[in-house]
């Protein structure tokens, strides 16, 4: 079997080497370069798809896949509400018009099982019905959120929302805090330009805002699926995290750190805050799988 596979590989390599192209000179080189680029892109997409479908899937991967596909299908373009049956089809356990207590109880059970999905359909329903996300619907605690990055606007978002979620394994991380009273608050880090913060377009900055449609990290058309993991649930942990997040925001406001694609970036900030709070060890945040899932998460915490 190995010899046969080796022979097939040798024949394939020989065929590629001696393949005839309709062009000569620089045109032939351009065609070969385009073919090589397409092959690398395809290989990258296949590797990302394999990782997306085999890791971080929970105890019920088939139900997870159903939820993802239905939520992506019902996530509307900007300015449009989801369909009348979108919530019931995405969240069958909740039905068409659940009460806040029903959503809270269901998400409490989900949070107890580690990571869970908080999608555009449910987030939109909560905001439209109760005006904001708070402890009435989302259990009190500190959460680490993660989502794919993709464009929000038409005409591309109906296709790119699937591609971003499945063909790009890396995620952008943020911290969500749900206090006992008041709105949920989200800590988002990125470039000053993307956040609308002062200090330069390519400087690493952070904002602390209510978790709603105007927030940088809130489920929307291009980022319809958010993965939430609750890392703390006591009132003391919530208060302590809010103080840490505000201190980190003020520190970054005064820093001159340039945002890096791999590090330091938003994931680096989130990882360092969780480590400083005792919610995650340096060894755990530096694992290979987390490095692939959240590039920069395990980088050095020299963010002053």
Protein backbone atom coordinates (compact mmCIF):
# COMPACT_ATOMS: atom_id res chain seq x y z
CA UNK A 1 0.00 0.00 0.00
CA UNK A 2 2.81 2.42 0.89
CA UNK A 3 4.68 1.61 -2.31
CA UNK A 4 1.55 2.21 -4.38
CA UNK A 5 0.94 5.55 -2.67
CA UNK A 6 4.57 6.53 -3.25
CA UNK A 7 4.29 5.63 -6.94
CA UNK A 8 1.12 7.72 -7.28
CA UNK A 9 2.84 10.68 -5.63
CA UNK A 10 5.87 10.33 -7.92
CA UNK A 11 3.66 10.23 -11.01
CA UNK A 12 1.74 13.31 -9.84
CA UNK A 13 4.95 15.27 -9.23
CA UNK A 14 6.34 14.23 -12.62
CA UNK A 15 3.13 15.28 -14.34
CA UNK A 16 3.17 18.68 -12.67
CA UNK A 17 6.84 19.23 -13.57
CA UNK A 18 6.29 18.40 -17.23
CA UNK A 19 2.85 19.92 -17.63
CA UNK A 20 2.37 21.91 -20.82
CA UNK A 21 1.12 25.45 -20.48
CA UNK A 22 -0.54 27.48 -23.26
CA UNK A 23 1.80 30.38 -22.51
CA UNK A 24 5.53 30.93 -22.55
CA UNK A 25 7.91 33.30 -20.79
CA UNK A 26 6.49 35.57 -18.10
CA UNK A 27 2.93 34.54 -18.94
CA UNK A 28 3.76 30.93 -18.15
CA UNK A 29 5.42 32.00 -14.90
CA UNK A 30 2.31 34.04 -14.01
CA UNK A 31 0.01 31.06 -14.62
CA UNK A 32 2.20 28.78 -12.52
CA UNK A 33 2.31 31.42 -9.76
CA UNK A 34 -1.48 31.78 -9.82
CA UNK A 35 -1.92 28.02 -9.64
CA UNK A 36 0.48 27.79 -6.71
CA UNK A 37 -1.31 30.64 -4.91
CA UNK A 38 -4.69 28.99 -5.46
CA UNK A 39 -3.29 25.74 -4.11
CA UNK A 40 -1.96 27.44 -0.97
CA UNK A 41 -5.27 29.24 -0.39
CA UNK A 42 -7.16 25.99 -0.83
CA UNK A 43 -4.82 24.19 1.57
CA UNK A 44 -5.19 27.00 4.12
CA UNK A 45 -8.99 26.89 3.83
CA UNK A 46 -9.07 23.10 4.14
CA UNK A 47 -6.88 23.16 7.26
CA UNK A 48 -9.04 25.87 8.85
CA UNK A 49 -12.23 23.99 7.99
CA UNK A 50 -10.86 20.80 9.53
CA UNK A 51 -9.94 22.63 12.75
CA UNK A 52 -13.30 24.45 12.85
CA UNK A 53 -15.23 21.18 12.57
CA UNK A 54 -13.10 19.15 14.98
CA UNK A 55 -12.31 21.46 17.92
CA UNK A 56 -14.36 23.54 20.37
CA UNK A 57 -17.52 21.64 19.42
CA UNK A 58 -18.85 20.78 22.91
CA UNK A 59 -20.47 17.52 23.97
CA UNK A 60 -23.05 17.54 21.16
CA UNK A 61 -21.23 18.44 17.93
CA UNK A 62 -24.21 17.65 15.68
CA UNK A 63 -26.52 19.94 17.64
CA UNK A 64 -23.78 22.56 17.63
CA UNK A 65 -23.56 22.34 13.84
CA UNK A 66 -27.35 22.61 13.49
CA UNK A 67 -27.40 25.68 15.73
CA UNK A 68 -24.57 27.35 13.83
CA UNK A 69 -26.06 26.80 10.38
CA UNK A 70 -29.58 27.88 11.41
CA UNK A 71 -28.29 30.96 13.24
CA UNK A 72 -26.16 31.97 10.26
CA UNK A 73 -29.10 31.43 7.90
CA UNK A 74 -31.45 33.61 10.00
CA UNK A 75 -28.91 36.35 10.75
CA UNK A 76 -30.23 39.32 8.73
CA UNK A 77 -28.24 42.05 6.97
CA UNK A 78 -27.78 45.36 8.82
CA UNK A 79 -31.00 47.26 9.49
CA UNK A 80 -33.33 44.27 9.05
CA UNK A 81 -34.92 42.21 11.86
CA UNK A 82 -34.76 38.40 11.86
CA UNK A 83 -37.82 36.54 10.57
CA UNK A 84 -40.79 35.75 12.79
CA UNK A 85 -39.76 32.12 13.23
CA UNK A 86 -36.03 32.76 13.47
CA UNK A 87 -35.79 32.51 17.28
CA UNK A 88 -37.87 29.33 17.56
CA UNK A 89 -35.92 27.62 14.78
CA UNK A 90 -32.53 28.68 16.14
CA UNK A 91 -33.42 28.03 19.80
CA UNK A 92 -36.16 25.32 19.79
CA UNK A 93 -36.07 25.07 23.60
CA UNK A 94 -37.10 28.73 23.90
CA UNK A 95 -39.90 28.96 21.34
CA UNK A 96 -41.18 32.10 19.59
CA UNK A 97 -41.61 34.46 22.54
CA UNK A 98 -39.80 33.31 25.69
CA UNK A 99 -39.81 35.33 28.90
CA UNK A 100 -36.60 36.79 30.26
CA UNK A 101 -36.56 34.17 33.02
CA UNK A 102 -36.78 31.38 30.43
CA UNK A 103 -33.79 32.73 28.51
CA UNK A 104 -31.85 33.22 31.74
CA UNK A 105 -32.50 29.65 32.91
CA UNK A 106 -31.57 28.18 29.53
CA UNK A 107 -28.33 30.16 29.26
CA UNK A 108 -27.47 29.32 32.88
CA UNK A 109 -27.63 25.64 31.98
CA UNK A 110 -25.56 26.30 28.86
CA UNK A 111 -22.93 28.24 30.82
CA UNK A 112 -22.62 25.42 33.33
CA UNK A 113 -21.57 23.12 30.47
CA UNK A 114 -18.61 25.36 29.54
CA UNK A 115 -18.65 27.14 26.16
CA UNK A 116 -21.96 28.07 24.54
CA UNK A 117 -23.22 30.11 21.59
CA UNK A 118 -24.75 33.57 21.88
CA UNK A 119 -25.93 34.47 18.40
CA UNK A 120 -27.25 37.44 16.47
CA UNK A 121 -30.84 36.15 16.51
CA UNK A 122 -31.05 35.84 20.30
CA UNK A 123 -29.11 39.06 20.94
CA UNK A 124 -31.42 40.99 18.60
CA UNK A 125 -34.52 39.51 20.28
CA UNK A 126 -33.30 40.49 23.75
CA UNK A 127 -32.46 44.07 22.76
CA UNK A 128 -35.71 44.59 20.84
CA UNK A 129 -37.86 43.25 23.66
CA UNK A 130 -36.10 44.43 26.83
CA UNK A 131 -33.94 47.26 25.55
CA UNK A 132 -30.57 45.88 26.64
CA UNK A 133 -28.61 42.77 27.65
CA UNK A 134 -28.39 42.42 31.44
CA UNK A 135 -28.79 39.92 34.28
CA UNK A 136 -32.47 39.41 33.45
CA UNK A 137 -31.49 37.28 30.46
CA UNK A 138 -27.75 36.56 30.72
CA UNK A 139 -26.52 35.03 34.01
CA UNK A 140 -24.30 37.15 36.23
CA UNK A 141 -20.61 36.53 35.67
CA UNK A 142 -17.43 37.20 33.76
CA UNK A 143 -17.29 35.72 30.26
CA UNK A 144 -14.62 35.37 27.62
CA UNK A 145 -16.18 35.94 24.23
CA UNK A 146 -14.78 35.01 20.83
CA UNK A 147 -16.00 35.49 17.29
CA UNK A 148 -14.81 35.42 13.70
CA UNK A 149 -14.07 38.69 11.94
CA UNK A 150 -15.82 39.49 8.69
CA UNK A 151 -17.54 42.33 6.82
CA UNK A 152 -21.01 43.36 8.00
CA UNK A 153 -22.41 45.06 4.92
CA UNK A 154 -24.11 44.00 1.73
CA UNK A 155 -23.60 42.58 -0.84
CA UNK A 156 -20.97 40.22 0.54
CA UNK A 157 -22.17 39.38 4.05
CA UNK A 158 -24.68 36.63 3.05
CA UNK A 159 -21.68 34.59 1.85
CA UNK A 160 -18.82 35.88 3.95
CA UNK A 161 -20.55 35.14 7.27
CA UNK A 162 -20.25 31.41 6.49
CA UNK A 163 -16.73 31.69 5.11
CA UNK A 164 -15.47 33.71 8.10
CA UNK A 165 -16.90 31.27 10.62
CA UNK A 166 -15.74 28.02 9.03
CA UNK A 167 -12.76 28.84 6.81
CA UNK A 168 -10.99 31.15 9.29
CA UNK A 169 -10.22 29.24 12.48
CA UNK A 170 -8.67 32.21 14.39
CA UNK A 171 -10.98 34.26 16.59
CA UNK A 172 -11.04 37.74 18.10
CA UNK A 173 -11.47 37.64 21.90
CA UNK A 174 -13.12 40.05 24.31
CA UNK A 175 -14.30 40.13 27.93
CA UNK A 176 -17.99 40.40 28.83
CA UNK A 177 -19.10 41.28 32.36
CA UNK A 178 -22.71 40.88 33.51
CA UNK A 179 -23.27 42.60 36.89
CA UNK A 180 -26.26 41.99 39.14
CA UNK A 181 -27.66 45.43 38.30
CA UNK A 182 -27.23 47.61 35.24
CA UNK A 183 -26.34 46.68 31.68
CA UNK A 184 -23.82 44.06 30.65
CA UNK A 185 -20.45 45.65 29.85
CA UNK A 186 -17.95 44.56 27.20
CA UNK A 187 -14.21 45.18 27.10
CA UNK A 188 -13.00 45.38 23.51
CA UNK A 189 -9.41 45.85 22.34
CA UNK A 190 -8.23 46.66 18.83
CA UNK A 191 -6.66 49.56 16.95
CA UNK A 192 -7.63 53.07 17.93
CA UNK A 193 -9.05 53.61 14.44
CA UNK A 194 -11.46 50.65 14.64
CA UNK A 195 -12.62 51.51 18.15
CA UNK A 196 -12.93 55.23 17.53
CA UNK A 197 -10.46 55.84 20.36
CA UNK A 198 -7.82 58.55 20.56
CA UNK A 199 -4.13 57.87 20.20
CA UNK A 200 -3.33 56.94 16.63
CA UNK A 201 -4.76 54.64 13.98
CA UNK A 202 -2.43 51.68 14.58
CA UNK A 203 -2.02 51.93 18.35
CA UNK A 204 -3.39 49.21 20.63
CA UNK A 205 -6.39 50.64 22.45
CA UNK A 206 -9.39 49.37 24.42
CA UNK A 207 -12.91 50.56 25.24
CA UNK A 208 -15.39 49.59 27.96
CA UNK A 209 -18.96 49.98 26.71
CA UNK A 210 -22.49 48.61 27.28
CA UNK A 211 -22.97 45.29 25.51
CA UNK A 212 -25.38 46.38 22.80
CA UNK A 213 -25.73 46.99 19.05
CA UNK A 214 -23.34 49.94 19.18
CA UNK A 215 -20.53 47.95 20.80
CA UNK A 216 -17.51 46.77 18.80
CA UNK A 217 -18.01 43.19 20.03
CA UNK A 218 -21.73 42.48 19.74
CA UNK A 219 -23.35 39.83 17.53
CA UNK A 220 -24.14 41.26 14.11
CA UNK A 221 -24.48 40.33 10.47
CA UNK A 222 -20.82 39.59 9.82
CA UNK A 223 -20.14 38.10 13.26
CA UNK A 224 -23.41 36.29 13.91
CA UNK A 225 -21.98 33.57 16.18
CA UNK A 226 -20.22 34.42 19.43
CA UNK A 227 -18.74 31.73 21.64
CA UNK A 228 -19.01 32.57 25.36
CA UNK A 229 -17.23 30.86 28.24
CA UNK A 230 -18.05 31.89 31.82
CA UNK A 231 -14.87 32.07 33.89
CA UNK A 232 -16.31 33.56 37.09
CA UNK A 233 -19.78 34.01 38.56
CA UNK A 234 -19.53 35.64 42.00
CA UNK A 235 -20.38 39.29 42.63
CA UNK A 236 -16.87 39.89 44.00
CA UNK A 237 -15.30 38.49 40.83
CA UNK A 238 -17.55 40.71 38.71
CA UNK A 239 -16.64 43.86 40.65
CA UNK A 240 -12.94 42.98 40.62
CA UNK A 241 -12.95 42.33 36.88
CA UNK A 242 -14.65 45.63 36.14
CA UNK A 243 -11.88 47.43 38.04
CA UNK A 244 -9.19 45.46 36.19
CA UNK A 245 -10.74 46.18 32.82
CA UNK A 246 -10.99 49.90 33.49
CA UNK A 247 -7.37 49.97 34.67
CA UNK A 248 -6.27 48.12 31.50
CA UNK A 249 -8.23 50.55 29.35
CA UNK A 250 -6.55 53.54 31.00
CA UNK A 251 -3.09 51.93 30.71
CA UNK A 252 -3.51 51.30 26.98
CA UNK A 253 -4.84 54.82 26.53
CA UNK A 254 -1.43 56.14 27.57
CA UNK A 255 0.71 53.54 25.83
CA UNK A 256 2.51 53.71 22.49
CA UNK A 257 2.19 50.00 21.68
CA UNK A 258 1.59 49.30 17.99
CA UNK A 259 -1.11 46.77 17.18
CA UNK A 260 0.32 43.53 15.77
CA UNK A 261 -1.43 41.02 13.54
CA UNK A 262 0.01 38.16 15.60
CA UNK A 263 0.98 40.03 18.78
CA UNK A 264 0.51 42.20 20.71
CA UNK A 265 -3.16 42.47 19.80
CA UNK A 266 -6.64 42.27 21.32
CA UNK A 267 -6.18 38.61 22.21
CA UNK A 268 -2.94 39.42 24.04
CA UNK A 269 -4.72 42.01 26.18
CA UNK A 270 -7.54 39.61 27.07
CA UNK A 271 -5.14 36.76 27.88
CA UNK A 272 -3.02 38.96 30.14
CA UNK A 273 -6.07 40.30 32.01
CA UNK A 274 -7.35 36.78 32.66
CA UNK A 275 -3.93 35.67 33.87
CA UNK A 276 -3.59 38.68 36.20
CA UNK A 277 -7.06 37.96 37.61
CA UNK A 278 -6.10 34.36 38.35
CA UNK A 279 -8.66 32.96 35.90
CA UNK A 280 -6.04 31.35 33.65
CA UNK A 281 -2.44 30.25 34.11
CA UNK A 282 0.36 31.40 31.81
CA UNK A 283 0.92 27.81 30.72
CA UNK A 284 -2.71 27.29 29.77
CA UNK A 285 -3.03 30.50 27.77
CA UNK A 286 0.17 29.62 25.89
CA UNK A 287 -1.05 26.23 24.59
CA UNK A 288 -0.70 25.50 20.87
CA UNK A 289 -4.45 25.15 20.26
CA UNK A 290 -5.18 28.52 21.86
CA UNK A 291 -2.33 30.04 19.84
CA UNK A 292 -4.12 28.90 16.67
CA UNK A 293 -7.61 29.78 17.90
CA UNK A 294 -6.70 33.21 19.31
CA UNK A 295 -3.35 34.38 17.84
CA UNK A 296 -1.45 36.47 20.39
CA UNK A 297 -3.36 35.12 23.38
CA UNK A 298 -0.23 33.66 24.97
CA UNK A 299 2.19 36.47 24.11
CA UNK A 300 4.23 38.34 26.73
CA UNK A 301 2.27 40.71 28.97
CA UNK A 302 4.53 43.75 28.59
CA UNK A 303 1.71 46.13 27.72
CA UNK A 304 2.74 49.25 29.66
